[in-house]
PDB file of all heavy atoms in Angstrom:
ATOM      1  N   LEU A   1      41.692 -50.474 -27.527  1.00  0.00           N
ATOM      2  CA  LEU A   1      42.227 -49.422 -28.330  1.00  0.00           C
ATOM      3  C   LEU A   1      42.973 -48.497 -27.279  1.00  0.00           C
ATOM      4  O   LEU A   1      42.437 -47.875 -26.322  1.00  0.00           O
ATOM      5  CB  LEU A   1      41.075 -48.654 -28.962  1.00  0.00           C
ATOM      6  CG  LEU A   1      41.515 -47.348 -29.891  1.00  0.00           C
ATOM      7  CD1 LEU A   1      40.437 -47.184 -30.890  1.00  0.00           C
ATOM      8  CD2 LEU A   1      41.717 -46.052 -29.167  1.00  0.00           C
ATOM      9  N   ASP A   2      44.287 -48.556 -27.329  1.00  0.00           N
ATOM     10  CA  ASP A   2      45.142 -48.004 -26.339  1.00  0.00           C
ATOM     11  C   ASP A   2      44.831 -48.391 -24.953  1.00  0.00           C
ATOM     12  O   ASP A   2      44.764 -47.616 -23.964  1.00  0.00           O
ATOM     13  CB  ASP A   2      45.197 -46.385 -26.436  1.00  0.00           C
ATOM     14  CG  ASP A   2      45.931 -45.924 -27.631  1.00  0.00           C
ATOM     15  OD1 ASP A   2      46.706 -46.708 -28.256  1.00  0.00           O
ATOM     16  OD2 ASP A   2      45.800 -44.674 -28.010  1.00  0.00           O
ATOM     17  N   GLY A   3      44.439 -49.693 -24.817  1.00  0.00           N
ATOM     18  CA  GLY A   3      44.187 -50.313 -23.463  1.00  0.00           C
ATOM     19  C   GLY A   3      42.702 -50.138 -22.988  1.00  0.00           C
ATOM     20  O   GLY A   3      42.294 -50.597 -21.962  1.00  0.00           O
ATOM     21  N   ILE A   4      41.927 -49.406 -23.828  1.00  0.00           N
ATOM     22  CA  ILE A   4      40.536 -49.204 -23.509  1.00  0.00           C
ATOM     23  C   ILE A   4      39.666 -50.185 -24.195  1.00  0.00           C
ATOM     24  O   ILE A   4      39.739 -50.428 -25.489  1.00  0.00           O
ATOM     25  CB  ILE A   4      40.016 -47.819 -23.973  1.00  0.00           C
ATOM     26  CG1 ILE A   4      40.923 -46.692 -23.268  1.00  0.00           C
ATOM     27  CG2 ILE A   4      38.590 -47.567 -23.639  1.00  0.00           C
ATOM     28  CD1 ILE A   4      40.636 -45.312 -23.889  1.00  0.00           C
ATOM     29  N   ASN A   5      38.850 -50.895 -23.519  1.00  0.00           N
ATOM     30  CA  ASN A   5      37.934 -51.926 -24.136  1.00  0.00           C
ATOM     31  C   ASN A   5      36.906 -51.182 -25.018  1.00  0.00           C
ATOM     32  O   ASN A   5      36.250 -50.319 -24.503  1.00  0.00           O
ATOM     33  CB  ASN A   5      37.209 -52.678 -23.027  1.00  0.00           C
ATOM     34  CG  ASN A   5      38.008 -53.907 -22.577  1.00  0.00           C
ATOM     35  OD1 ASN A   5      39.036 -54.339 -23.176  1.00  0.00           O
ATOM     36  ND2 ASN A   5      37.623 -54.517 -21.411  1.00  0.00           N
ATOM     37  N   VAL A   6      36.751 -51.658 -26.207  1.00  0.00           N
ATOM     38  CA  VAL A   6      35.845 -51.049 -27.142  1.00  0.00           C
ATOM     39  C   VAL A   6      35.071 -52.197 -27.925  1.00  0.00           C
ATOM     40  O   VAL A   6      35.592 -53.311 -28.112  1.00  0.00           O
ATOM     41  CB  VAL A   6      36.563 -50.165 -28.162  1.00  0.00           C
ATOM     42  CG1 VAL A   6      37.157 -49.007 -27.435  1.00  0.00           C
ATOM     43  CG2 VAL A   6      37.545 -50.931 -29.095  1.00  0.00           C
ATOM     44  N   ALA A   7      33.905 -51.829 -28.429  1.00  0.00           N
ATOM     45  CA  ALA A   7      33.103 -52.664 -29.313  1.00  0.00           C
ATOM     46  C   ALA A   7      33.301 -52.011 -30.643  1.00  0.00           C
ATOM     47  O   ALA A   7      33.093 -50.813 -30.823  1.00  0.00           O
ATOM     48  CB  ALA A   7      31.698 -52.816 -28.869  1.00  0.00           C
ATOM     49  N   ILE A   8      33.603 -52.772 -31.733  1.00  0.00           N
ATOM     50  CA  ILE A   8      33.828 -52.146 -33.029  1.00  0.00           C
ATOM     51  C   ILE A   8      33.227 -53.000 -34.074  1.00  0.00           C
ATOM     52  O   ILE A   8      33.259 -54.194 -34.036  1.00  0.00           O
ATOM     53  CB  ILE A   8      35.345 -51.942 -33.303  1.00  0.00           C
ATOM     54  CG1 ILE A   8      35.582 -51.277 -34.590  1.00  0.00           C
ATOM     55  CG2 ILE A   8      36.152 -53.191 -33.199  1.00  0.00           C
ATOM     56  CD1 ILE A   8      37.078 -50.770 -34.829  1.00  0.00           C
ATOM     57  N   ALA A   9      32.686 -52.350 -35.128  1.00  0.00           N
ATOM     58  CA  ALA A   9      32.122 -53.015 -36.348  1.00  0.00           C
ATOM     59  C   ALA A   9      32.847 -52.332 -37.475  1.00  0.00           C
ATOM     60  O   ALA A   9      32.889 -51.092 -37.537  1.00  0.00           O
ATOM     61  CB  ALA A   9      30.606 -52.868 -36.413  1.00  0.00           C
ATOM     62  N   VAL A  10      33.341 -53.106 -38.452  1.00  0.00           N
ATOM     63  CA  VAL A  10      33.962 -52.475 -39.565  1.00  0.00           C
ATOM     64  C   VAL A  10      33.420 -53.116 -40.821  1.00  0.00           C
ATOM     65  O   VAL A  10      33.449 -54.287 -41.070  1.00  0.00           O
ATOM     66  CB  VAL A  10      35.516 -52.870 -39.506  1.00  0.00           C
ATOM     67  CG1 VAL A  10      36.315 -52.091 -40.696  1.00  0.00           C
ATOM     68  CG2 VAL A  10      36.138 -52.374 -38.260  1.00  0.00           C
ATOM     69  N   MET A  11      32.797 -52.245 -41.718  1.00  0.00           N
ATOM     70  CA  MET A  11      32.199 -52.700 -42.961  1.00  0.00           C
ATOM     71  C   MET A  11      33.309 -52.881 -44.015  1.00  0.00           C
ATOM     72  O   MET A  11      34.341 -52.173 -43.910  1.00  0.00           O
ATOM     73  CB  MET A  11      31.182 -51.633 -43.452  1.00  0.00           C
ATOM     74  CG  MET A  11      30.039 -51.381 -42.392  1.00  0.00           C
ATOM     75  SD  MET A  11      28.640 -50.337 -43.000  1.00  0.00           S
ATOM     76  CE  MET A  11      27.772 -51.615 -43.838  1.00  0.00           C
ATOM     77  N   ASP A  12      33.056 -53.710 -44.981  1.00  0.00           N
ATOM     78  CA  ASP A  12      34.084 -54.058 -45.985  1.00  0.00           C
ATOM     79  C   ASP A  12      33.463 -53.886 -47.364  1.00  0.00           C
ATOM     80  O   ASP A  12      32.614 -54.735 -47.852  1.00  0.00           O
ATOM     81  CB  ASP A  12      34.649 -55.421 -45.839  1.00  0.00           C
ATOM     82  CG  ASP A  12      35.899 -55.634 -46.528  1.00  0.00           C
ATOM     83  OD1 ASP A  12      36.083 -55.328 -47.700  1.00  0.00           O
ATOM     84  OD2 ASP A  12      36.900 -56.166 -45.893  1.00  0.00           O
ATOM     85  N   PHE A  13      33.889 -52.814 -48.108  1.00  0.00           N
ATOM     86  CA  PHE A  13      33.368 -52.521 -49.397  1.00  0.00           C
ATOM     87  C   PHE A  13      33.600 -53.554 -50.397  1.00  0.00           C
ATOM     88  O   PHE A  13      32.848 -53.689 -51.457  1.00  0.00           O
ATOM     89  CB  PHE A  13      33.769 -51.125 -49.857  1.00  0.00           C
ATOM     90  CG  PHE A  13      32.985 -50.563 -51.052  1.00  0.00           C
ATOM     91  CD1 PHE A  13      31.773 -50.097 -50.875  1.00  0.00           C
ATOM     92  CD2 PHE A  13      33.549 -50.640 -52.388  1.00  0.00           C
ATOM     93  CE1 PHE A  13      31.032 -49.583 -51.903  1.00  0.00           C
ATOM     94  CE2 PHE A  13      32.821 -50.152 -53.399  1.00  0.00           C
ATOM     95  CZ  PHE A  13      31.579 -49.613 -53.271  1.00  0.00           C
ATOM     96  N   GLN A  14      34.631 -54.387 -50.263  1.00  0.00           N
ATOM     97  CA  GLN A  14      35.041 -55.391 -51.188  1.00  0.00           C
ATOM     98  C   GLN A  14      34.039 -56.530 -51.199  1.00  0.00           C
ATOM     99  O   GLN A  14      34.000 -57.350 -52.129  1.00  0.00           O
ATOM    100  CB  GLN A  14      36.455 -55.963 -50.864  1.00  0.00           C
ATOM    101  CG  GLN A  14      37.480 -54.949 -50.921  1.00  0.00           C
ATOM    102  CD  GLN A  14      38.903 -55.519 -50.494  1.00  0.00           C
ATOM    103  OE1 GLN A  14      39.200 -56.616 -50.937  1.00  0.00           O
ATOM    104  NE2 GLN A  14      39.711 -54.754 -49.798  1.00  0.00           N
ATOM    105  N   PHE A  15      33.226 -56.660 -50.206  1.00  0.00           N
ATOM    106  CA  PHE A  15      32.167 -57.685 -50.104  1.00  0.00           C
ATOM    107  C   PHE A  15      30.811 -57.032 -50.488  1.00  0.00           C
ATOM    108  O   PHE A  15      30.140 -56.435 -49.790  1.00  0.00           O
ATOM    109  CB  PHE A  15      32.144 -58.290 -48.730  1.00  0.00           C
ATOM    110  CG  PHE A  15      31.322 -59.555 -48.588  1.00  0.00           C
ATOM    111  CD1 PHE A  15      31.998 -60.741 -48.345  1.00  0.00           C
ATOM    112  CD2 PHE A  15      29.935 -59.607 -48.744  1.00  0.00           C
ATOM    113  CE1 PHE A  15      31.349 -61.960 -48.337  1.00  0.00           C
ATOM    114  CE2 PHE A  15      29.278 -60.796 -48.767  1.00  0.00           C
ATOM    115  CZ  PHE A  15      29.909 -62.006 -48.511  1.00  0.00           C
ATOM    116  N   MET A  16      30.477 -57.319 -51.775  1.00  0.00           N
ATOM    117  CA  MET A  16      29.207 -56.763 -52.313  1.00  0.00           C
ATOM    118  C   MET A  16      28.985 -55.283 -52.042  1.00  0.00           C
ATOM    119  O   MET A  16      27.824 -54.827 -51.724  1.00  0.00           O
ATOM    120  CB  MET A  16      28.016 -57.624 -51.877  1.00  0.00           C
ATOM    121  CG  MET A  16      28.008 -59.073 -52.355  1.00  0.00           C
ATOM    122  SD  MET A  16      26.477 -59.914 -51.990  1.00  0.00           S
ATOM    123  CE  MET A  16      25.350 -59.129 -53.169  1.00  0.00           C
ATOM    124  N   GLY A  17      30.063 -54.506 -52.200  1.00  0.00           N
ATOM    125  CA  GLY A  17      29.883 -53.008 -51.993  1.00  0.00           C
ATOM    126  C   GLY A  17      29.550 -52.669 -50.574  1.00  0.00           C
ATOM    127  O   GLY A  17      28.969 -51.586 -50.356  1.00  0.00           O
ATOM    128  N   GLY A  18      29.861 -53.547 -49.662  1.00  0.00           N
ATOM    129  CA  GLY A  18      29.522 -53.263 -48.235  1.00  0.00           C
ATOM    130  C   GLY A  18      28.057 -53.157 -47.973  1.00  0.00           C
ATOM    131  O   GLY A  18      27.709 -52.491 -46.999  1.00  0.00           O
ATOM    132  N   SER A  19      27.252 -53.724 -48.878  1.00  0.00           N
ATOM    133  CA  SER A  19      25.775 -53.567 -48.732  1.00  0.00           C
ATOM    134  C   SER A  19      25.297 -54.240 -47.519  1.00  0.00           C
ATOM    135  O   SER A  19      25.729 -55.196 -46.952  1.00  0.00           O
ATOM    136  CB  SER A  19      25.083 -54.233 -50.031  1.00  0.00           C
ATOM    137  OG  SER A  19      25.474 -55.617 -50.154  1.00  0.00           O
ATOM    138  N   MET A  20      24.201 -53.631 -46.974  1.00  0.00           N
ATOM    139  CA  MET A  20      23.639 -53.975 -45.643  1.00  0.00           C
ATOM    140  C   MET A  20      22.484 -54.834 -45.838  1.00  0.00           C
ATOM    141  O   MET A  20      21.371 -54.419 -46.172  1.00  0.00           O
ATOM    142  CB  MET A  20      23.199 -52.782 -44.865  1.00  0.00           C
ATOM    143  CG  MET A  20      22.629 -53.054 -43.515  1.00  0.00           C
ATOM    144  SD  MET A  20      22.370 -51.572 -42.489  1.00  0.00           S
ATOM    145  CE  MET A  20      21.164 -50.618 -43.570  1.00  0.00           C
ATOM    146  N   GLY A  21      22.589 -56.224 -45.630  1.00  0.00           N
ATOM    147  CA  GLY A  21      21.545 -57.128 -45.619  1.00  0.00           C
ATOM    148  C   GLY A  21      21.142 -57.494 -44.238  1.00  0.00           C
ATOM    149  O   GLY A  21      21.547 -56.817 -43.266  1.00  0.00           O
ATOM    150  N   SER A  22      20.392 -58.530 -44.142  1.00  0.00           N
ATOM    151  CA  SER A  22      19.882 -58.960 -42.801  1.00  0.00           C
ATOM    152  C   SER A  22      20.984 -59.369 -41.793  1.00  0.00           C
ATOM    153  O   SER A  22      20.969 -59.023 -40.636  1.00  0.00           O
ATOM    154  CB  SER A  22      18.967 -60.189 -42.915  1.00  0.00           C
ATOM    155  OG  SER A  22      17.786 -59.826 -43.766  1.00  0.00           O
ATOM    156  N   VAL A  23      22.029 -60.031 -42.325  1.00  0.00           N
ATOM    157  CA  VAL A  23      23.125 -60.455 -41.467  1.00  0.00           C
ATOM    158  C   VAL A  23      24.035 -59.285 -41.065  1.00  0.00           C
ATOM    159  O   VAL A  23      24.345 -59.177 -39.924  1.00  0.00           O
ATOM    160  CB  VAL A  23      24.030 -61.549 -42.200  1.00  0.00           C
ATOM    161  CG1 VAL A  23      25.313 -61.813 -41.442  1.00  0.00           C
ATOM    162  CG2 VAL A  23      23.238 -62.834 -42.320  1.00  0.00           C
ATOM    163  N   VAL A  24      24.261 -58.358 -41.956  1.00  0.00           N
ATOM    164  CA  VAL A  24      24.993 -57.203 -41.555  1.00  0.00           C
ATOM    165  C   VAL A  24      24.265 -56.459 -40.441  1.00  0.00           C
ATOM    166  O   VAL A  24      24.831 -56.068 -39.483  1.00  0.00           O
ATOM    167  CB  VAL A  24      25.267 -56.331 -42.758  1.00  0.00           C
ATOM    168  CG1 VAL A  24      25.783 -54.930 -42.273  1.00  0.00           C
ATOM    169  CG2 VAL A  24      26.252 -56.951 -43.758  1.00  0.00           C
ATOM    170  N   GLY A  25      22.894 -56.222 -40.604  1.00  0.00           N
ATOM    171  CA  GLY A  25      22.152 -55.528 -39.634  1.00  0.00           C
ATOM    172  C   GLY A  25      22.083 -56.271 -38.321  1.00  0.00           C
ATOM    173  O   GLY A  25      22.192 -55.694 -37.238  1.00  0.00           O
ATOM    174  N   GLU A  26      21.965 -57.602 -38.363  1.00  0.00           N
ATOM    175  CA  GLU A  26      21.883 -58.398 -37.143  1.00  0.00           C
ATOM    176  C   GLU A  26      23.271 -58.382 -36.359  1.00  0.00           C
ATOM    177  O   GLU A  26      23.234 -58.273 -35.116  1.00  0.00           O
ATOM    178  CB  GLU A  26      21.582 -59.841 -37.483  1.00  0.00           C
ATOM    179  CG  GLU A  26      21.327 -60.723 -36.249  1.00  0.00           C
ATOM    180  CD  GLU A  26      20.194 -60.333 -35.393  1.00  0.00           C
ATOM    181  OE1 GLU A  26      19.347 -59.555 -35.760  1.00  0.00           O
ATOM    182  OE2 GLU A  26      20.167 -60.777 -34.126  1.00  0.00           O
ATOM    183  N   ARG A  27      24.324 -58.525 -37.058  1.00  0.00           N
ATOM    184  CA  ARG A  27      25.669 -58.395 -36.508  1.00  0.00           C
ATOM    185  C   ARG A  27      25.854 -57.121 -35.767  1.00  0.00           C
ATOM    186  O   ARG A  27      26.338 -56.956 -34.608  1.00  0.00           O
ATOM    187  CB  ARG A  27      26.719 -58.650 -37.487  1.00  0.00           C
ATOM    188  CG  ARG A  27      26.923 -60.013 -37.918  1.00  0.00           C
ATOM    189  CD  ARG A  27      28.175 -60.276 -38.741  1.00  0.00           C
ATOM    190  NE  ARG A  27      28.301 -61.462 -39.436  1.00  0.00           N
ATOM    191  CZ  ARG A  27      29.409 -61.925 -40.117  1.00  0.00           C
ATOM    192  NH1 ARG A  27      30.442 -61.190 -40.173  1.00  0.00           N
ATOM    193  NH2 ARG A  27      29.414 -63.107 -40.644  1.00  0.00           N
ATOM    194  N   ILE A  28      25.474 -55.968 -36.443  1.00  0.00           N
ATOM    195  CA  ILE A  28      25.675 -54.603 -35.803  1.00  0.00           C
ATOM    196  C   ILE A  28      24.742 -54.526 -34.566  1.00  0.00           C
ATOM    197  O   ILE A  28      25.224 -54.075 -33.572  1.00  0.00           O
ATOM    198  CB  ILE A  28      25.310 -53.572 -36.793  1.00  0.00           C
ATOM    199  CG1 ILE A  28      26.417 -53.459 -37.929  1.00  0.00           C
ATOM    200  CG2 ILE A  28      25.297 -52.162 -36.125  1.00  0.00           C
ATOM    201  CD1 ILE A  28      26.008 -52.520 -39.084  1.00  0.00           C
ATOM    202  N   THR A  29      23.525 -55.047 -34.729  1.00  0.00           N
ATOM    203  CA  THR A  29      22.556 -54.886 -33.624  1.00  0.00           C
ATOM    204  C   THR A  29      23.011 -55.668 -32.419  1.00  0.00           C
ATOM    205  O   THR A  29      23.011 -55.274 -31.179  1.00  0.00           O
ATOM    206  CB  THR A  29      21.148 -55.415 -34.012  1.00  0.00           C
ATOM    207  OG1 THR A  29      20.717 -54.607 -35.083  1.00  0.00           O
ATOM    208  CG2 THR A  29      20.128 -55.210 -32.873  1.00  0.00           C
ATOM    209  N   ARG A  30      23.496 -56.877 -32.638  1.00  0.00           N
ATOM    210  CA  ARG A  30      24.013 -57.717 -31.546  1.00  0.00           C
ATOM    211  C   ARG A  30      25.286 -57.048 -30.807  1.00  0.00           C
ATOM    212  O   ARG A  30      25.441 -57.069 -29.596  1.00  0.00           O
ATOM    213  CB  ARG A  30      24.409 -59.120 -32.068  1.00  0.00           C
ATOM    214  CG  ARG A  30      23.277 -60.007 -32.428  1.00  0.00           C
ATOM    215  CD  ARG A  30      23.624 -61.399 -32.659  1.00  0.00           C
ATOM    216  NE  ARG A  30      22.531 -62.239 -33.065  1.00  0.00           N
ATOM    217  CZ  ARG A  30      22.510 -63.526 -33.163  1.00  0.00           C
ATOM    218  NH1 ARG A  30      23.687 -64.163 -32.806  1.00  0.00           N
ATOM    219  NH2 ARG A  30      21.500 -64.183 -33.492  1.00  0.00           N
ATOM    220  N   LEU A  31      26.080 -56.443 -31.669  1.00  0.00           N
ATOM    221  CA  LEU A  31      27.240 -55.703 -31.100  1.00  0.00           C
ATOM    222  C   LEU A  31      26.834 -54.605 -30.279  1.00  0.00           C
ATOM    223  O   LEU A  31      27.342 -54.354 -29.114  1.00  0.00           O
ATOM    224  CB  LEU A  31      28.127 -55.217 -32.218  1.00  0.00           C
ATOM    225  CG  LEU A  31      29.479 -54.530 -31.790  1.00  0.00           C
ATOM    226  CD1 LEU A  31      30.524 -55.430 -31.201  1.00  0.00           C
ATOM    227  CD2 LEU A  31      30.181 -53.770 -32.957  1.00  0.00           C
ATOM    228  N   ILE A  32      25.893 -53.838 -30.749  1.00  0.00           N
ATOM    229  CA  ILE A  32      25.379 -52.709 -29.901  1.00  0.00           C
ATOM    230  C   ILE A  32      24.720 -53.174 -28.635  1.00  0.00           C
ATOM    231  O   ILE A  32      25.040 -52.560 -27.545  1.00  0.00           O
ATOM    232  CB  ILE A  32      24.302 -51.850 -30.725  1.00  0.00           C
ATOM    233  CG1 ILE A  32      24.999 -51.312 -31.964  1.00  0.00           C
ATOM    234  CG2 ILE A  32      23.699 -50.764 -29.830  1.00  0.00           C
ATOM    235  CD1 ILE A  32      23.973 -50.692 -32.905  1.00  0.00           C
ATOM    236  N   GLU A  33      24.008 -54.266 -28.713  1.00  0.00           N
ATOM    237  CA  GLU A  33      23.427 -54.788 -27.428  1.00  0.00           C
ATOM    238  C   GLU A  33      24.508 -55.307 -26.513  1.00  0.00           C
ATOM    239  O   GLU A  33      24.292 -55.117 -25.220  1.00  0.00           O
ATOM    240  CB  GLU A  33      22.443 -55.906 -27.829  1.00  0.00           C
ATOM    241  CG  GLU A  33      21.142 -55.456 -28.578  1.00  0.00           C
ATOM    242  CD  GLU A  33      20.241 -56.557 -29.051  1.00  0.00           C
ATOM    243  OE1 GLU A  33      20.801 -57.694 -29.212  1.00  0.00           O
ATOM    244  OE2 GLU A  33      19.053 -56.224 -29.402  1.00  0.00           O
ATOM    245  N   TYR A  34      25.510 -55.880 -26.989  1.00  0.00           N
ATOM    246  CA  TYR A  34      26.603 -56.358 -26.178  1.00  0.00           C
ATOM    247  C   TYR A  34      27.288 -55.157 -25.535  1.00  0.00           C
ATOM    248  O   TYR A  34      27.614 -55.101 -24.294  1.00  0.00           O
ATOM    249  CB  TYR A  34      27.685 -57.161 -26.973  1.00  0.00           C
ATOM    250  CG  TYR A  34      28.744 -57.704 -26.073  1.00  0.00           C
ATOM    251  CD1 TYR A  34      28.625 -58.931 -25.448  1.00  0.00           C
ATOM    252  CD2 TYR A  34      29.968 -56.974 -26.012  1.00  0.00           C
ATOM    253  CE1 TYR A  34      29.694 -59.433 -24.659  1.00  0.00           C
ATOM    254  CE2 TYR A  34      30.993 -57.502 -25.251  1.00  0.00           C
ATOM    255  CZ  TYR A  34      30.831 -58.674 -24.591  1.00  0.00           C
ATOM    256  OH  TYR A  34      31.898 -59.169 -23.809  1.00  0.00           O
ATOM    257  N   ALA A  35      27.589 -54.136 -26.336  1.00  0.00           N
ATOM    258  CA  ALA A  35      28.229 -52.929 -25.814  1.00  0.00           C
ATOM    259  C   ALA A  35      27.324 -52.204 -24.759  1.00  0.00           C
ATOM    260  O   ALA A  35      27.799 -51.667 -23.715  1.00  0.00           O
ATOM    261  CB  ALA A  35      28.508 -51.941 -26.902  1.00  0.00           C
TER     262      ALA A  35
END
C-alpha cells in the first residue's frame, strides 16, 4: 500500500452475506499470525 508491505483481509458480502464460518475464521487467524 503505497510501497508499504501490509497484510489484508477483505470480507465479501456477496458470498453468503459475508458470514463468518470456520474457514473465514481460520483464514483471518492465519493472516494475523503471518503478520
